[in-house]
């Protein structure tokens, strides 16, 4: 099942690639926890921002479904908090809205 990942840009250089969309294919009717898994495609989709932790809000059809914290230094790591009950997703678009950024040492 194809799901389109799309996100806000994180800097002017990133705007060149806007709208930053990627189609990710999952098995039939994946669950939110499959799509937003810390070990899934999310970790390769979100952009690295040097020496920073970025915060994202994940939306499906304008519904806030999760918050995400992402860093790539010293190694890539993702922390996902679901804001809704886990459920099956029937395709469509998952939008990642930038929700902040903080410097990390």
PDB file of N, CA and C in Angstrom:
ATOM      1  N   UNK A   1       0.840  -1.171   0.000  1.00  0.00           N
ATOM      2  CA  UNK A   1       0.000   0.000   0.000  1.00  0.00           C
ATOM      3  C   UNK A   1       0.891   1.242   0.000  1.00  0.00           C
ATOM      4  N   UNK A   2       0.759   2.104  -1.000  1.00  0.00           N
ATOM      5  CA  UNK A   2       1.577   3.312  -1.059  1.00  0.00           C
ATOM      6  C   UNK A   2       1.026   4.414  -0.148  1.00  0.00           C
ATOM      7  N   UNK A   3       1.928   5.047   0.573  1.00  0.00           N
ATOM      8  CA  UNK A   3       1.591   6.207   1.399  1.00  0.00           C
ATOM      9  C   UNK A   3       2.598   7.292   1.053  1.00  0.00           C
ATOM     10  N   UNK A   4       2.119   8.484   0.760  1.00  0.00           N
ATOM     11  CA  UNK A   4       2.989   9.599   0.429  1.00  0.00           C
ATOM     12  C   UNK A   4       3.431  10.299   1.702  1.00  0.00           C
ATOM     13  N   UNK A   5       4.739  10.362   1.907  1.00  0.00           N
ATOM     14  CA  UNK A   5       5.328  11.151   2.990  1.00  0.00           C
ATOM     15  C   UNK A   5       5.626  12.528   2.389  1.00  0.00           C
ATOM     16  N   UNK A   6       5.254  13.569   3.093  1.00  0.00           N
ATOM     17  CA  UNK A   6       5.565  14.925   2.664  1.00  0.00           C
ATOM     18  C   UNK A   6       5.855  15.748   3.908  1.00  0.00           C
ATOM     19  N   UNK A   7       6.769  16.712   3.783  1.00  0.00           N
ATOM     20  CA  UNK A   7       7.164  17.471   4.964  1.00  0.00           C
ATOM     21  C   UNK A   7       7.484  18.910   4.636  1.00  0.00           C
ATOM     22  N   UNK A   8       7.505  19.720   5.688  1.00  0.00           N
ATOM     23  CA  UNK A   8       7.972  21.091   5.591  1.00  0.00           C
ATOM     24  C   UNK A   8       9.464  21.084   5.280  1.00  0.00           C
ATOM     25  N   UNK A   9       9.950  22.161   4.705  1.00  0.00           N
ATOM     26  CA  UNK A   9      11.378  22.343   4.499  1.00  0.00           C
ATOM     27  C   UNK A   9      11.996  22.828   5.806  1.00  0.00           C
ATOM     28  N   UNK A  10      13.279  22.539   5.999  1.00  0.00           N
ATOM     29  CA  UNK A  10      13.955  22.940   7.238  1.00  0.00           C
ATOM     30  C   UNK A  10      14.937  24.092   7.040  1.00  0.00           C
ATOM     31  N   UNK A  11      15.236  24.437   5.782  1.00  0.00           N
ATOM     32  CA  UNK A  11      16.125  25.558   5.509  1.00  0.00           C
ATOM     33  C   UNK A  11      15.957  25.958   4.045  1.00  0.00           C
ATOM     34  N   UNK A  12      16.556  27.076   3.660  1.00  0.00           N
ATOM     35  CA  UNK A  12      16.414  27.565   2.289  1.00  0.00           C
ATOM     36  C   UNK A  12      16.945  26.556   1.276  1.00  0.00           C
ATOM     37  N   UNK A  13      18.077  25.901   1.579  1.00  0.00           N
ATOM     38  CA  UNK A  13      18.628  24.906   0.669  1.00  0.00           C
ATOM     39  C   UNK A  13      17.699  23.726   0.475  1.00  0.00           C
ATOM     40  N   UNK A  14      16.946  23.401   1.522  1.00  0.00           N
ATOM     41  CA  UNK A  14      15.989  22.299   1.465  1.00  0.00           C
ATOM     42  C   UNK A  14      14.791  22.663   0.587  1.00  0.00           C
ATOM     43  N   UNK A  15      14.508  23.957   0.460  1.00  0.00           N
ATOM     44  CA  UNK A  15      13.385  24.409  -0.362  1.00  0.00           C
ATOM     45  C   UNK A  15      13.547  23.999  -1.826  1.00  0.00           C
ATOM     46  N   UNK A  16      14.789  23.803  -2.264  1.00  0.00           N
ATOM     47  CA  UNK A  16      15.048  23.406  -3.644  1.00  0.00           C
ATOM     48  C   UNK A  16      14.354  22.088  -3.953  1.00  0.00           C
ATOM     49  N   UNK A  17      14.233  21.209  -2.949  1.00  0.00           N
ATOM     50  CA  UNK A  17      13.613  19.897  -3.132  1.00  0.00           C
ATOM     51  C   UNK A  17      12.115  19.884  -2.844  1.00  0.00           C
ATOM     52  N   UNK A  18      11.572  21.023  -2.381  1.00  0.00           N
ATOM     53  CA  UNK A  18      10.163  21.082  -2.000  1.00  0.00           C
ATOM     54  C   UNK A  18       9.292  20.585  -3.144  1.00  0.00           C
ATOM     55  N   UNK A  19       8.208  19.869  -2.885  1.00  0.00           N
ATOM     56  CA  UNK A  19       7.551  19.682  -1.595  1.00  0.00           C
ATOM     57  C   UNK A  19       8.072  18.518  -0.772  1.00  0.00           C
ATOM     58  N   UNK A  20       9.258  18.020  -1.045  1.00  0.00           N
ATOM     59  CA  UNK A  20       9.880  16.982  -0.214  1.00  0.00           C
ATOM     60  C   UNK A  20       9.012  15.738  -0.079  1.00  0.00           C
ATOM     61  N   UNK A  21       8.381  15.331  -1.148  1.00  0.00           N
ATOM     62  CA  UNK A  21       7.488  14.167  -1.120  1.00  0.00           C
ATOM     63  C   UNK A  21       8.232  12.893  -1.496  1.00  0.00           C
ATOM     64  N   UNK A  22       7.810  11.803  -0.878  1.00  0.00           N
ATOM     65  CA  UNK A  22       8.344  10.475  -1.196  1.00  0.00           C
ATOM     66  C   UNK A  22       7.212   9.473  -1.018  1.00  0.00           C
ATOM     67  N   UNK A  23       7.076   8.564  -1.955  1.00  0.00           N
ATOM     68  CA  UNK A  23       6.080   7.499  -1.826  1.00  0.00           C
ATOM     69  C   UNK A  23       6.759   6.308  -1.167  1.00  0.00           C
ATOM     70  N   UNK A  24       6.164   5.845  -0.074  1.00  0.00           N
ATOM     71  CA  UNK A  24       6.684   4.690   0.672  1.00  0.00           C
ATOM     72  C   UNK A  24       5.639   3.589   0.583  1.00  0.00           C
ATOM     73  N   UNK A  25       6.065   2.386   0.220  1.00  0.00           N
ATOM     74  CA  UNK A  25       5.132   1.271   0.060  1.00  0.00           C
ATOM     75  C   UNK A  25       5.195   0.353   1.279  1.00  0.00           C
ATOM     76  N   UNK A  26       4.042   0.079   1.844  1.00  0.00           N
ATOM     77  CA  UNK A  26       3.891  -0.806   2.999  1.00  0.00           C
ATOM     78  C   UNK A  26       3.034  -1.990   2.587  1.00  0.00           C
ATOM     79  N   UNK A  27       2.981  -3.018   3.438  1.00  0.00           N
ATOM     80  CA  UNK A  27       2.062  -4.124   3.227  1.00  0.00           C
ATOM     81  C   UNK A  27       0.630  -3.610   3.323  1.00  0.00           C
ATOM     82  N   UNK A  28      -0.324  -4.452   3.031  1.00  0.00           N
ATOM     83  CA  UNK A  28      -1.732  -4.057   3.058  1.00  0.00           C
ATOM     84  C   UNK A  28      -2.124  -3.476   4.414  1.00  0.00           C
ATOM     85  N   UNK A  29      -2.712  -2.310   4.389  1.00  0.00           N
ATOM     86  CA  UNK A  29      -3.298  -1.657   5.560  1.00  0.00           C
ATOM     87  C   UNK A  29      -2.365  -1.632   6.780  1.00  0.00           C
ATOM     88  N   UNK A  30      -1.239  -0.919   6.700  1.00  0.00           N
ATOM     89  CA  UNK A  30      -0.318  -0.861   7.837  1.00  0.00           C
ATOM     90  C   UNK A  30      -0.917  -0.093   9.006  1.00  0.00           C
ATOM     91  N   UNK A  31      -0.400  -0.330  10.182  1.00  0.00           N
ATOM     92  CA  UNK A  31      -0.821   0.404  11.383  1.00  0.00           C
ATOM     93  C   UNK A  31       0.043   1.650  11.522  1.00  0.00           C
ATOM     94  N   UNK A  32      -0.445   2.627  12.248  1.00  0.00           N
ATOM     95  CA  UNK A  32       0.349   3.833  12.509  1.00  0.00           C
ATOM     96  C   UNK A  32       1.713   3.476  13.079  1.00  0.00           C
ATOM     97  N   UNK A  33       1.753   2.514  14.002  1.00  0.00           N
ATOM     98  CA  UNK A  33       3.025   2.132  14.609  1.00  0.00           C
ATOM     99  C   UNK A  33       3.986   1.508  13.599  1.00  0.00           C
ATOM    100  N   UNK A  34       3.477   0.905  12.529  1.00  0.00           N
ATOM    101  CA  UNK A  34       4.339   0.388  11.465  1.00  0.00           C
ATOM    102  C   UNK A  34       4.916   1.540  10.635  1.00  0.00           C
ATOM    103  N   UNK A  35       4.070   2.489  10.316  1.00  0.00           N
ATOM    104  CA  UNK A  35       4.468   3.619   9.481  1.00  0.00           C
ATOM    105  C   UNK A  35       5.447   4.533  10.215  1.00  0.00           C
ATOM    106  N   UNK A  36       5.191   4.760  11.498  1.00  0.00           N
ATOM    107  CA  UNK A  36       5.997   5.693  12.287  1.00  0.00           C
ATOM    108  C   UNK A  36       6.998   4.987  13.193  1.00  0.00           C
ATOM    109  N   UNK A  37       7.392   3.807  12.829  1.00  0.00           N
ATOM    110  CA  UNK A  37       8.345   3.034  13.608  1.00  0.00           C
ATOM    111  C   UNK A  37       9.705   3.715  13.651  1.00  0.00           C
ATOM    112  N   UNK A  38      10.346   3.660  14.807  1.00  0.00           N
ATOM    113  CA  UNK A  38      11.690   4.218  14.955  1.00  0.00           C
ATOM    114  C   UNK A  38      12.696   3.511  14.064  1.00  0.00           C
ATOM    115  N   UNK A  39      12.382   2.299  13.615  1.00  0.00           N
ATOM    116  CA  UNK A  39      13.279   1.529  12.747  1.00  0.00           C
ATOM    117  C   UNK A  39      12.785   1.458  11.308  1.00  0.00           C
ATOM    118  N   UNK A  40      11.748   2.197  10.986  1.00  0.00           N
ATOM    119  CA  UNK A  40      11.164   2.137   9.657  1.00  0.00           C
ATOM    120  C   UNK A  40      11.684   3.229   8.735  1.00  0.00           C
ATOM    121  N   UNK A  41      10.939   3.528   7.674  1.00  0.00           N
ATOM    122  CA  UNK A  41      11.382   4.484   6.654  1.00  0.00           C
ATOM    123  C   UNK A  41      11.469   5.926   7.165  1.00  0.00           C
ATOM    124  N   UNK A  42      10.840   6.204   8.272  1.00  0.00           N
ATOM    125  CA  UNK A  42      10.843   7.549   8.838  1.00  0.00           C
ATOM    126  C   UNK A  42      12.261   8.055   9.090  1.00  0.00           C
ATOM    127  N   UNK A  43      13.121   7.207   9.593  1.00  0.00           N
ATOM    128  CA  UNK A  43      14.476   7.621   9.965  1.00  0.00           C
ATOM    129  C   UNK A  43      15.305   8.029   8.741  1.00  0.00           C
ATOM    130  N   UNK A  44      14.990   7.457   7.580  1.00  0.00           N
ATOM    131  CA  UNK A  44      15.695   7.845   6.361  1.00  0.00           C
ATOM    132  C   UNK A  44      14.992   8.977   5.622  1.00  0.00           C
ATOM    133  N   UNK A  45      13.788   9.318   6.040  1.00  0.00           N
ATOM    134  CA  UNK A  45      13.031  10.368   5.360  1.00  0.00           C
ATOM    135  C   UNK A  45      13.251  11.743   5.983  1.00  0.00           C
ATOM    136  N   UNK A  46      13.251  11.821   7.294  1.00  0.00           N
ATOM    137  CA  UNK A  46      13.389  13.126   7.938  1.00  0.00           C
ATOM    138  C   UNK A  46      14.787  13.688   7.692  1.00  0.00           C
ATOM    139  N   UNK A  47      14.892  15.013   7.513  1.00  0.00           N
ATOM    140  CA  UNK A  47      16.192  15.606   7.187  1.00  0.00           C
ATOM    141  C   UNK A  47      17.086  15.760   8.419  1.00  0.00           C
ATOM    142  N   UNK A  48      18.378  15.623   8.194  1.00  0.00           N
ATOM    143  CA  UNK A  48      19.350  15.886   9.252  1.00  0.00           C
ATOM    144  C   UNK A  48      19.626  17.382   9.294  1.00  0.00           C
ATOM    145  N   UNK A  49      19.602  17.940  10.488  1.00  0.00           N
ATOM    146  CA  UNK A  49      19.968  19.336  10.690  1.00  0.00           C
ATOM    147  C   UNK A  49      21.166  19.320  11.620  1.00  0.00           C
ATOM    148  N   UNK A  50      22.276  19.821  11.139  1.00  0.00           N
ATOM    149  CA  UNK A  50      23.539  19.757  11.861  1.00  0.00           C
ATOM    150  C   UNK A  50      23.411  20.227  13.312  1.00  0.00           C
ATOM    151  N   UNK A  51      23.861  19.387  14.240  1.00  0.00           N
ATOM    152  CA  UNK A  51      23.916  19.687  15.673  1.00  0.00           C
ATOM    153  C   UNK A  51      22.557  20.089  16.248  1.00  0.00           C
ATOM    154  N   UNK A  52      21.493  19.513  15.728  1.00  0.00           N
ATOM    155  CA  UNK A  52      20.151  19.883  16.191  1.00  0.00           C
ATOM    156  C   UNK A  52      19.245  18.670  16.346  1.00  0.00           C
ATOM    157  N   UNK A  53      18.274  18.815  17.232  1.00  0.00           N
ATOM    158  CA  UNK A  53      17.160  17.874  17.346  1.00  0.00           C
ATOM    159  C   UNK A  53      15.961  18.616  16.755  1.00  0.00           C
ATOM    160  N   UNK A  54      15.311  17.985  15.784  1.00  0.00           N
ATOM    161  CA  UNK A  54      14.128  18.600  15.189  1.00  0.00           C
ATOM    162  C   UNK A  54      12.875  17.931  15.745  1.00  0.00           C
ATOM    163  N   UNK A  55      11.826  18.701  15.832  1.00  0.00           N
ATOM    164  CA  UNK A  55      10.546  18.207  16.336  1.00  0.00           C
ATOM    165  C   UNK A  55       9.519  18.364  15.215  1.00  0.00           C
ATOM    166  N   UNK A  56       8.712  17.323  15.063  1.00  0.00           N
ATOM    167  CA  UNK A  56       7.732  17.264  13.978  1.00  0.00           C
ATOM    168  C   UNK A  56       6.370  16.867  14.522  1.00  0.00           C
ATOM    169  N   UNK A  57       5.348  17.316  13.840  1.00  0.00           N
ATOM    170  CA  UNK A  57       3.974  16.899  14.109  1.00  0.00           C
ATOM    171  C   UNK A  57       3.523  16.131  12.875  1.00  0.00           C
ATOM    172  N   UNK A  58       3.082  14.884  13.052  1.00  0.00           N
ATOM    173  CA  UNK A  58       2.621  14.057  11.932  1.00  0.00           C
ATOM    174  C   UNK A  58       1.113  14.194  11.802  1.00  0.00           C
ATOM    175  N   UNK A  59       0.654  14.455  10.575  1.00  0.00           N
ATOM    176  CA  UNK A  59      -0.770  14.652  10.315  1.00  0.00           C
ATOM    177  C   UNK A  59      -1.251  13.746   9.195  1.00  0.00           C
ATOM    178  N   UNK A  60      -2.441  13.198   9.375  1.00  0.00           N
ATOM    179  CA  UNK A  60      -3.133  12.475   8.321  1.00  0.00           C
ATOM    180  C   UNK A  60      -4.469  13.182   8.133  1.00  0.00           C
ATOM    181  N   UNK A  61      -4.686  13.710   6.923  1.00  0.00           N
ATOM    182  CA  UNK A  61      -5.926  14.452   6.643  1.00  0.00           C
ATOM    183  C   UNK A  61      -6.193  15.508   7.708  1.00  0.00           C
ATOM    184  N   UNK A  62      -5.192  16.298   8.058  1.00  0.00           N
ATOM    185  CA  UNK A  62      -5.282  17.385   9.046  1.00  0.00           C
ATOM    186  C   UNK A  62      -5.503  16.909  10.483  1.00  0.00           C
ATOM    187  N   UNK A  63      -5.488  15.598  10.726  1.00  0.00           N
ATOM    188  CA  UNK A  63      -5.594  15.067  12.084  1.00  0.00           C
ATOM    189  C   UNK A  63      -4.186  14.862  12.639  1.00  0.00           C
ATOM    190  N   UNK A  64      -3.918  15.415  13.794  1.00  0.00           N
ATOM    191  CA  UNK A  64      -2.625  15.232  14.448  1.00  0.00           C
ATOM    192  C   UNK A  64      -2.567  13.822  15.016  1.00  0.00           C
ATOM    193  N   UNK A  65      -1.635  13.020  14.494  1.00  0.00           N
ATOM    194  CA  UNK A  65      -1.574  11.621  14.920  1.00  0.00           C
ATOM    195  C   UNK A  65      -0.346  11.298  15.764  1.00  0.00           C
ATOM    196  N   UNK A  66       0.720  12.120  15.681  1.00  0.00           N
ATOM    197  CA  UNK A  66       1.930  11.814  16.448  1.00  0.00           C
ATOM    198  C   UNK A  66       2.848  13.022  16.524  1.00  0.00           C
ATOM    199  N   UNK A  67       3.693  13.015  17.548  1.00  0.00           N
ATOM    200  CA  UNK A  67       4.813  13.948  17.610  1.00  0.00           C
ATOM    201  C   UNK A  67       6.089  13.126  17.441  1.00  0.00           C
ATOM    202  N   UNK A  68       7.076  13.757  16.845  1.00  0.00           N
ATOM    203  CA  UNK A  68       8.319  13.059  16.533  1.00  0.00           C
ATOM    204  C   UNK A  68       9.492  13.954  16.903  1.00  0.00           C
ATOM    205  N   UNK A  69      10.487  13.358  17.537  1.00  0.00           N
ATOM    206  CA  UNK A  69      11.739  14.036  17.840  1.00  0.00           C
ATOM    207  C   UNK A  69      12.830  13.297  17.075  1.00  0.00           C
ATOM    208  N   UNK A  70      13.654  14.031  16.320  1.00  0.00           N
ATOM    209  CA  UNK A  70      14.638  13.396  15.445  1.00  0.00           C
ATOM    210  C   UNK A  70      15.989  14.082  15.554  1.00  0.00           C
ATOM    211  N   UNK A  71      17.026  13.297  15.644  1.00  0.00           N
ATOM    212  CA  UNK A  71      18.394  13.809  15.587  1.00  0.00           C
ATOM    213  C   UNK A  71      19.247  12.833  14.788  1.00  0.00           C
ATOM    214  N   UNK A  72      20.326  13.347  14.217  1.00  0.00           N
ATOM    215  CA  UNK A  72      21.206  12.449  13.461  1.00  0.00           C
ATOM    216  C   UNK A  72      22.634  12.482  13.994  1.00  0.00           C
ATOM    217  N   UNK A  73      22.871  13.172  15.093  1.00  0.00           N
ATOM    218  CA  UNK A  73      24.216  13.235  15.676  1.00  0.00           C
ATOM    219  C   UNK A  73      24.151  12.838  17.140  1.00  0.00           C
ATOM    220  N   UNK A  74      25.000  12.029  17.668  1.00  0.00           N
ATOM    221  CA  UNK A  74      26.087  11.348  16.958  1.00  0.00           C
ATOM    222  C   UNK A  74      25.594  10.181  16.101  1.00  0.00           C
ATOM    223  N   UNK A  75      24.348   9.750  16.272  1.00  0.00           N
ATOM    224  CA  UNK A  75      23.764   8.753  15.378  1.00  0.00           C
ATOM    225  C   UNK A  75      22.290   9.099  15.203  1.00  0.00           C
ATOM    226  N   UNK A  76      21.706   8.597  14.135  1.00  0.00           N
ATOM    227  CA  UNK A  76      20.287   8.891  13.880  1.00  0.00           C
ATOM    228  C   UNK A  76      19.414   8.218  14.918  1.00  0.00           C
ATOM    229  N   UNK A  77      18.502   8.991  15.470  1.00  0.00           N
ATOM    230  CA  UNK A  77      17.540   8.419  16.411  1.00  0.00           C
ATOM    231  C   UNK A  77      16.213   9.152  16.280  1.00  0.00           C
ATOM    232  N   UNK A  78      15.147   8.398  16.472  1.00  0.00           N
ATOM    233  CA  UNK A  78      13.790   8.924  16.362  1.00  0.00           C
ATOM    234  C   UNK A  78      13.012   8.506  17.601  1.00  0.00           C
ATOM    235  N   UNK A  79      12.246   9.437  18.162  1.00  0.00           N
ATOM    236  CA  UNK A  79      11.320   9.122  19.251  1.00  0.00           C
ATOM    237  C   UNK A  79       9.926   9.552  18.789  1.00  0.00           C
ATOM    238  N   UNK A  80       8.998   8.610  18.787  1.00  0.00           N
ATOM    239  CA  UNK A  80       7.639   8.859  18.314  1.00  0.00           C
ATOM    240  C   UNK A  80       6.666   8.715  19.469  1.00  0.00           C
ATOM    241  N   UNK A  81       5.753   9.677  19.591  1.00  0.00           N
ATOM    242  CA  UNK A  81       4.671   9.606  20.572  1.00  0.00           C
ATOM    243  C   UNK A  81       3.351   9.693  19.816  1.00  0.00           C
ATOM    244  N   UNK A  82       2.564   8.624  19.849  1.00  0.00           N
ATOM    245  CA  UNK A  82       1.246   8.660  19.202  1.00  0.00           C
ATOM    246  C   UNK A  82       0.303   9.548  19.997  1.00  0.00           C
ATOM    247  N   UNK A  83      -0.486  10.346  19.290  1.00  0.00           N
ATOM    248  CA  UNK A  83      -1.486  11.212  19.905  1.00  0.00           C
ATOM    249  C   UNK A  83      -2.889  10.632  19.784  1.00  0.00           C
ATOM    250  N   UNK A  84      -2.999   9.527  19.060  1.00  0.00           N
ATOM    251  CA  UNK A  84      -4.277   8.836  18.845  1.00  0.00           C
ATOM    252  C   UNK A  84      -4.047   7.353  19.090  1.00  0.00           C
ATOM    253  N   UNK A  85      -5.120   6.595  19.183  1.00  0.00           N
ATOM    254  CA  UNK A  85      -4.988   5.143  19.303  1.00  0.00           C
ATOM    255  C   UNK A  85      -4.384   4.584  18.011  1.00  0.00           C
ATOM    256  N   UNK A  86      -3.544   3.565  18.157  1.00  0.00           N
ATOM    257  CA  UNK A  86      -2.963   2.909  16.995  1.00  0.00           C
ATOM    258  C   UNK A  86      -4.097   2.339  16.145  1.00  0.00           C
ATOM    259  N   UNK A  87      -3.961   2.460  14.835  1.00  0.00           N
ATOM    260  CA  UNK A  87      -5.006   1.975  13.927  1.00  0.00           C
ATOM    261  C   UNK A  87      -4.412   1.704  12.557  1.00  0.00           C
ATOM    262  N   UNK A  88      -5.187   1.029  11.718  1.00  0.00           N
ATOM    263  CA  UNK A  88      -4.787   0.770  10.340  1.00  0.00           C
ATOM    264  C   UNK A  88      -4.956   2.042   9.527  1.00  0.00           C
ATOM    265  N   UNK A  89      -4.061   2.226   8.573  1.00  0.00           N
ATOM    266  CA  UNK A  89      -4.111   3.378   7.681  1.00  0.00           C
ATOM    267  C   UNK A  89      -4.354   2.857   6.272  1.00  0.00           C
ATOM    268  N   UNK A  90      -5.311   3.441   5.602  1.00  0.00           N
ATOM    269  CA  UNK A  90      -5.720   2.963   4.277  1.00  0.00           C
ATOM    270  C   UNK A  90      -5.121   3.810   3.155  1.00  0.00           C
ATOM    271  N   UNK A  91      -3.812   4.042   3.205  1.00  0.00           N
ATOM    272  CA  UNK A  91      -3.155   4.815   2.149  1.00  0.00           C
ATOM    273  C   UNK A  91      -3.329   6.304   2.354  1.00  0.00           C
ATOM    274  N   UNK A  92      -2.968   7.067   1.339  1.00  0.00           N
ATOM    275  CA  UNK A  92      -3.116   8.504   1.412  1.00  0.00           C
ATOM    276  C   UNK A  92      -1.798   9.220   1.666  1.00  0.00           C
ATOM    277  N   UNK A  93      -1.890  10.309   2.419  1.00  0.00           N
ATOM    278  CA  UNK A  93      -0.754  11.201   2.620  1.00  0.00           C
ATOM    279  C   UNK A  93      -0.504  11.417   4.107  1.00  0.00           C
ATOM    280  N   UNK A  94       0.759  11.328   4.486  1.00  0.00           N
ATOM    281  CA  UNK A  94       1.194  11.605   5.853  1.00  0.00           C
ATOM    282  C   UNK A  94       2.083  12.835   5.769  1.00  0.00           C
ATOM    283  N   UNK A  95       1.660  13.906   6.435  1.00  0.00           N
ATOM    284  CA  UNK A  95       2.388  15.174   6.361  1.00  0.00           C
ATOM    285  C   UNK A  95       3.123  15.421   7.669  1.00  0.00           C
ATOM    286  N   UNK A  96       4.385  15.827   7.555  1.00  0.00           N
ATOM    287  CA  UNK A  96       5.209  16.135   8.719  1.00  0.00           C
ATOM    288  C   UNK A  96       5.412  17.646   8.776  1.00  0.00           C
ATOM    289  N   UNK A  97       4.806  18.271   9.777  1.00  0.00           N
ATOM    290  CA  UNK A  97       4.904  19.722   9.961  1.00  0.00           C
ATOM    291  C   UNK A  97       6.011  20.006  10.978  1.00  0.00           C
ATOM    292  N   UNK A  98       6.912  20.900  10.615  1.00  0.00           N
ATOM    293  CA  UNK A  98       7.994  21.283  11.528  1.00  0.00           C
ATOM    294  C   UNK A  98       7.388  21.922  12.774  1.00  0.00           C
ATOM    295  N   UNK A  99       7.860  21.456  13.959  1.00  0.00           N
ATOM    296  CA  UNK A  99       7.298  21.935  15.209  1.00  0.00           C
ATOM    297  C   UNK A  99       8.377  22.480  16.149  1.00  0.00           C
ATOM    298  N   UNK A 100       9.593  22.656  15.643  1.00  0.00           N
ATOM    299  CA  UNK A 100      10.643  23.235  16.458  1.00  0.00           C
ATOM    300  C   UNK A 100      11.979  22.562  16.228  1.00  0.00           C
ATOM    301  N   UNK A 101      12.983  23.207  16.789  1.00  0.00           N
ATOM    302  CA  UNK A 101      14.351  22.707  16.639  1.00  0.00           C
ATOM    303  C   UNK A 101      15.164  23.201  17.831  1.00  0.00           C
ATOM    304  N   UNK A 102      16.056  22.360  18.305  1.00  0.00           N
ATOM    305  CA  UNK A 102      16.934  22.755  19.409  1.00  0.00           C
ATOM    306  C   UNK A 102      18.337  22.258  19.134  1.00  0.00           C
ATOM    307  N   UNK A 103      19.319  23.002  19.593  1.00  0.00           N
ATOM    308  CA  UNK A 103      20.713  22.611  19.422  1.00  0.00           C
ATOM    309  C   UNK A 103      21.049  21.490  20.387  1.00  0.00           C
ATOM    310  N   UNK A 104      21.880  20.563  19.944  1.00  0.00           N
ATOM    311  CA  UNK A 104      22.369  19.494  20.809  1.00  0.00           C
ATOM    312  C   UNK A 104      23.894  19.560  20.836  1.00  0.00           C
ATOM    313  N   UNK A 105      24.486  19.126  21.945  1.00  0.00           N
ATOM    314  CA  UNK A 105      25.945  19.190  22.014  1.00  0.00           C
ATOM    315  C   UNK A 105      26.576  17.887  21.634  1.00  0.00           C
TER     316      UNK A 105
END
